[in-house]
Amino acid sequence: MRLADACTIHTGYTARGRLEPAAAGGVLAIQLRDISPEGIVDPERLTRVQLEGLAERYFVRRGDVVFRSRGERNTASALDERLQEPALAVLPLMVLRPKRDVVTPEYLAWAINQPPAQRHFDSAARGTSIRMIPRSSLDDLELDIPDIELQKRIVAVDALAERERELAQLAAATRRKMISLLLVERANSMRPKTRQERTSK
């Protein structure tokens, strides 16, 4: 199924200059820098900006997906229940609004981040200094979209696999630290004692 048939697609808000944080009030804004390398958007870290007269299509909510249309990582992120109020999506982010009877936000983001979709973007990317994915490439992206229940199971298994990877990394780091401490302790025990250390006994 084409991505354009599974969701509505909008460009993010085009800022005319640097978006300065609002002293008071304002609207939440999601910018490219607000998405972690793992594709997580933390609403607690979002800044507010003072803008008025913004079109509704620029705002994202829980259940929407944002896509990085520029940069080396052209990945998608699903917004979860932590986003308690609408937030302004700023270019180069694109807004993907899934048709909920067709695809879940989590599966849509997962599918876009998989190698087949990423190869599609690789072949369509433009720009020499800054990589850019054209809107037409998003529209024409072909995705395998199973039934909703299978989508949920795929996302759940992927989350478990990611958690397993994180725990494995943590275990490896802890093991390296323990070995390092043991080696330092061993090296100290083999060091020739100084005169002061010998006479202090």
Protein backbone atom coordinates (compact mmCIF):
# COMPACT_ATOMS: atom_id res chain seq x y z
CA MET A 1 0.00 0.00 0.00
CA ARG A 2 1.22 3.50 -0.81
CA LEU A 3 1.96 5.67 2.20
CA ALA A 4 -0.35 8.36 0.81
CA ASP A 5 -3.21 5.83 0.98
CA ALA A 6 -2.45 4.86 4.58
CA CYS A 7 -2.26 8.36 6.04
CA THR A 8 -2.57 12.04 5.29
CA ILE A 9 0.72 13.85 4.81
CA HIS A 10 1.45 17.50 5.57
CA THR A 11 4.62 19.54 5.60
CA GLY A 12 5.62 21.09 8.90
CA TYR A 13 5.51 24.80 9.65
CA THR A 14 8.07 26.88 7.75
CA ALA A 15 9.81 29.17 10.23
CA ARG A 16 10.88 32.50 8.75
CA GLY A 17 13.74 32.79 11.19
CA ARG A 18 15.07 31.38 14.43
CA LEU A 19 12.28 30.35 16.79
CA GLU A 20 12.93 32.04 20.11
CA PRO A 21 11.50 30.54 23.32
CA ALA A 22 8.41 32.36 24.58
CA ALA A 23 8.76 34.26 27.85
CA ALA A 24 5.22 33.21 28.77
CA GLY A 25 2.42 31.30 27.08
CA GLY A 26 3.06 30.37 23.47
CA VAL A 27 2.70 26.96 21.82
CA LEU A 28 4.78 23.81 22.12
CA ALA A 29 7.08 23.23 19.14
CA ILE A 30 8.72 20.02 17.92
CA GLN A 31 11.89 20.62 15.94
CA LEU A 32 14.37 18.18 14.42
CA ARG A 33 16.68 18.55 17.43
CA ASP A 34 13.88 17.40 19.76
CA ILE A 35 13.94 13.86 18.36
CA SER A 36 16.52 11.56 19.97
CA PRO A 37 18.69 9.21 17.87
CA GLU A 38 16.34 6.43 19.02
CA GLY A 39 13.35 8.33 17.61
CA ILE A 40 11.90 9.40 20.95
CA VAL A 41 10.14 12.74 21.48
CA ASP A 42 10.12 13.82 25.14
CA PRO A 43 7.39 16.46 25.62
CA GLU A 44 9.10 17.61 28.82
CA ARG A 45 12.03 18.88 26.74
CA LEU A 46 9.99 20.79 24.18
CA THR A 47 10.17 24.58 24.16
CA ARG A 48 7.30 27.03 23.73
CA VAL A 49 7.40 29.67 21.01
CA GLN A 50 5.32 32.80 20.57
CA LEU A 51 3.47 32.39 17.28
CA GLU A 52 -0.10 33.23 16.32
CA GLY A 53 -2.47 32.53 13.45
CA LEU A 54 -1.07 29.05 12.78
CA ALA A 55 -2.97 26.61 10.59
CA GLU A 56 -4.33 23.53 12.32
CA ARG A 57 -2.54 21.19 9.91
CA TYR A 58 0.83 22.13 11.43
CA PHE A 59 -0.09 20.75 14.85
CA VAL A 60 0.54 17.18 15.93
CA ARG A 61 -1.09 15.19 18.71
CA ARG A 62 -0.85 11.79 20.32
CA GLY A 63 -1.27 9.21 17.55
CA ASP A 64 0.42 11.29 14.86
CA VAL A 65 3.80 10.46 13.32
CA VAL A 66 6.57 12.91 12.50
CA PHE A 67 9.09 12.19 9.73
CA ARG A 68 12.57 13.68 9.30
CA SER A 69 12.64 14.85 5.69
CA ARG A 70 16.21 16.23 5.87
CA GLY A 71 19.50 15.07 7.29
CA GLU A 72 21.29 11.75 7.35
CA ARG A 73 18.54 9.99 9.31
CA ASN A 74 15.20 9.97 7.47
CA THR A 75 13.21 8.15 10.11
CA ALA A 76 9.74 8.42 11.63
CA SER A 77 8.61 8.76 15.25
CA ALA A 78 5.17 8.01 16.68
CA LEU A 79 3.90 10.45 19.30
CA ASP A 80 2.54 8.73 22.40
CA GLU A 81 0.30 9.60 25.34
CA ARG A 82 2.96 11.76 27.00
CA LEU A 83 2.11 14.53 24.54
CA GLN A 84 -0.75 16.13 26.47
CA GLU A 85 -1.42 19.09 24.16
CA PRO A 86 -1.05 19.92 20.46
CA ALA A 87 2.48 20.78 19.37
CA LEU A 88 3.69 22.69 16.32
CA ALA A 89 5.72 20.51 13.93
CA VAL A 90 8.46 22.57 12.32
CA LEU A 91 10.14 21.79 8.98
CA PRO A 92 12.06 19.72 8.10
CA LEU A 93 9.59 17.55 10.00
CA MET A 94 6.64 16.18 8.06
CA VAL A 95 3.32 15.30 9.68
CA LEU A 96 1.86 11.86 8.98
CA ARG A 97 -1.67 11.27 10.28
CA PRO A 98 -2.50 7.54 10.04
CA LYS A 99 -5.91 6.29 8.97
CA ARG A 100 -6.54 4.41 12.21
CA ASP A 101 -8.69 1.71 10.62
CA VAL A 102 -5.77 0.91 8.31
CA VAL A 103 -2.56 1.35 10.29
CA THR A 104 -1.46 2.11 13.85
CA PRO A 105 0.96 5.01 14.44
CA GLU A 106 3.53 2.71 16.03
CA TYR A 107 3.51 0.26 13.12
CA LEU A 108 3.65 3.08 10.58
CA ALA A 109 6.76 4.55 12.22
CA TRP A 110 8.31 1.07 12.54
CA ALA A 111 7.69 0.24 8.86
CA ILE A 112 9.16 3.54 7.66
CA ASN A 113 12.29 2.90 9.73
CA GLN A 114 12.91 -0.56 8.23
CA PRO A 115 15.57 -1.21 5.55
CA PRO A 116 13.18 -1.51 2.54
CA ALA A 117 11.70 1.95 3.18
CA GLN A 118 15.11 3.41 3.93
CA ARG A 119 16.45 2.07 0.62
CA HIS A 120 13.51 3.77 -1.10
CA PHE A 121 14.53 7.07 0.47
CA ASP A 122 18.19 6.49 -0.43
CA SER A 123 17.27 6.24 -4.10
CA ALA A 124 15.04 9.34 -3.96
CA ALA A 125 17.22 11.61 -1.79
CA ARG A 126 18.24 14.96 -3.22
CA GLY A 127 20.82 17.52 -2.25
CA THR A 128 24.58 17.37 -1.98
CA SER A 129 25.42 19.13 1.29
CA ILE A 130 22.08 18.45 3.00
CA ARG A 131 20.18 15.26 2.18
CA MET A 132 16.48 15.93 1.49
CA ILE A 133 13.59 13.54 0.88
CA PRO A 134 11.01 15.01 -1.54
CA ARG A 135 7.32 14.85 -0.71
CA SER A 136 6.65 12.70 -3.78
CA SER A 137 8.97 10.03 -2.38
CA LEU A 138 6.88 9.88 0.77
CA ASP A 139 3.64 9.64 -1.19
CA ASP A 140 4.93 6.77 -3.34
CA LEU A 141 6.54 4.73 -0.54
CA GLU A 142 5.13 1.19 -0.69
CA LEU A 143 4.56 -0.48 2.68
CA ASP A 144 3.41 -3.96 3.68
CA ILE A 145 0.48 -3.31 6.02
CA PRO A 146 -1.05 -6.40 7.65
CA ASP A 147 -4.19 -6.38 9.78
CA ILE A 148 -4.26 -4.25 12.94
CA GLU A 149 -3.74 -7.15 15.38
CA LEU A 150 -0.65 -8.36 13.55
CA GLN A 151 0.66 -4.79 13.46
CA LYS A 152 0.35 -4.60 17.25
CA ARG A 153 2.17 -7.92 17.71
CA ILE A 154 5.01 -6.85 15.41
CA VAL A 155 5.48 -3.60 17.32
CA ALA A 156 5.37 -5.43 20.67
CA VAL A 157 8.02 -7.94 19.59
CA ASP A 158 10.19 -5.14 18.23
CA ALA A 159 9.93 -3.30 21.57
CA LEU A 160 11.00 -6.46 23.42
CA ALA A 161 13.94 -6.93 21.07
CA GLU A 162 15.01 -3.32 21.63
CA ARG A 163 14.76 -3.77 25.40
CA GLU A 164 16.86 -6.93 25.16
CA ARG A 165 19.49 -5.01 23.19
CA GLU A 166 19.57 -2.26 25.82
CA LEU A 167 19.95 -4.78 28.66
CA ALA A 168 22.72 -6.60 26.77
CA GLN A 169 24.59 -3.32 26.32
CA LEU A 170 24.15 -2.50 30.01
CA ALA A 171 25.39 -5.94 31.02
CA ALA A 172 28.43 -5.63 28.72
CA ALA A 173 29.29 -2.18 30.11
CA THR A 174 28.94 -3.45 33.70
CA ARG A 175 31.15 -6.44 32.92
CA ARG A 176 33.83 -4.22 31.37
CA LYS A 177 33.78 -1.97 34.43
CA MET A 178 34.15 -4.92 36.81
CA ILE A 179 37.04 -6.39 34.81
CA SER A 180 38.74 -3.00 34.73
CA LEU A 181 38.44 -2.65 38.51
CA LEU A 182 39.82 -6.15 39.05
CA LEU A 183 42.77 -5.48 36.74
CA VAL A 184 43.58 -2.20 38.48
CA GLU A 185 43.43 -3.97 41.85
CA ARG A 186 45.68 -6.74 40.53
CA ALA A 187 48.16 -4.24 39.10
CA ASN A 188 48.33 -2.41 42.43
CA SER A 189 48.97 -5.64 44.31
CA MET A 190 51.93 -6.45 42.04
CA ARG A 191 53.49 -2.99 42.30
CA PRO A 192 56.77 -2.89 44.27
CA LYS A 193 56.16 -1.31 47.65
CA THR A 194 57.77 2.01 48.45
CA ARG A 195 60.04 2.41 51.52
CA GLN A 196 57.29 4.30 53.32
CA GLU A 197 54.80 1.49 52.68
CA ARG A 198 57.31 -1.13 53.91
CA THR A 199 58.14 0.74 57.12
CA SER A 200 54.53 1.62 57.91
CA LYS A 201 53.77 -2.01 58.75
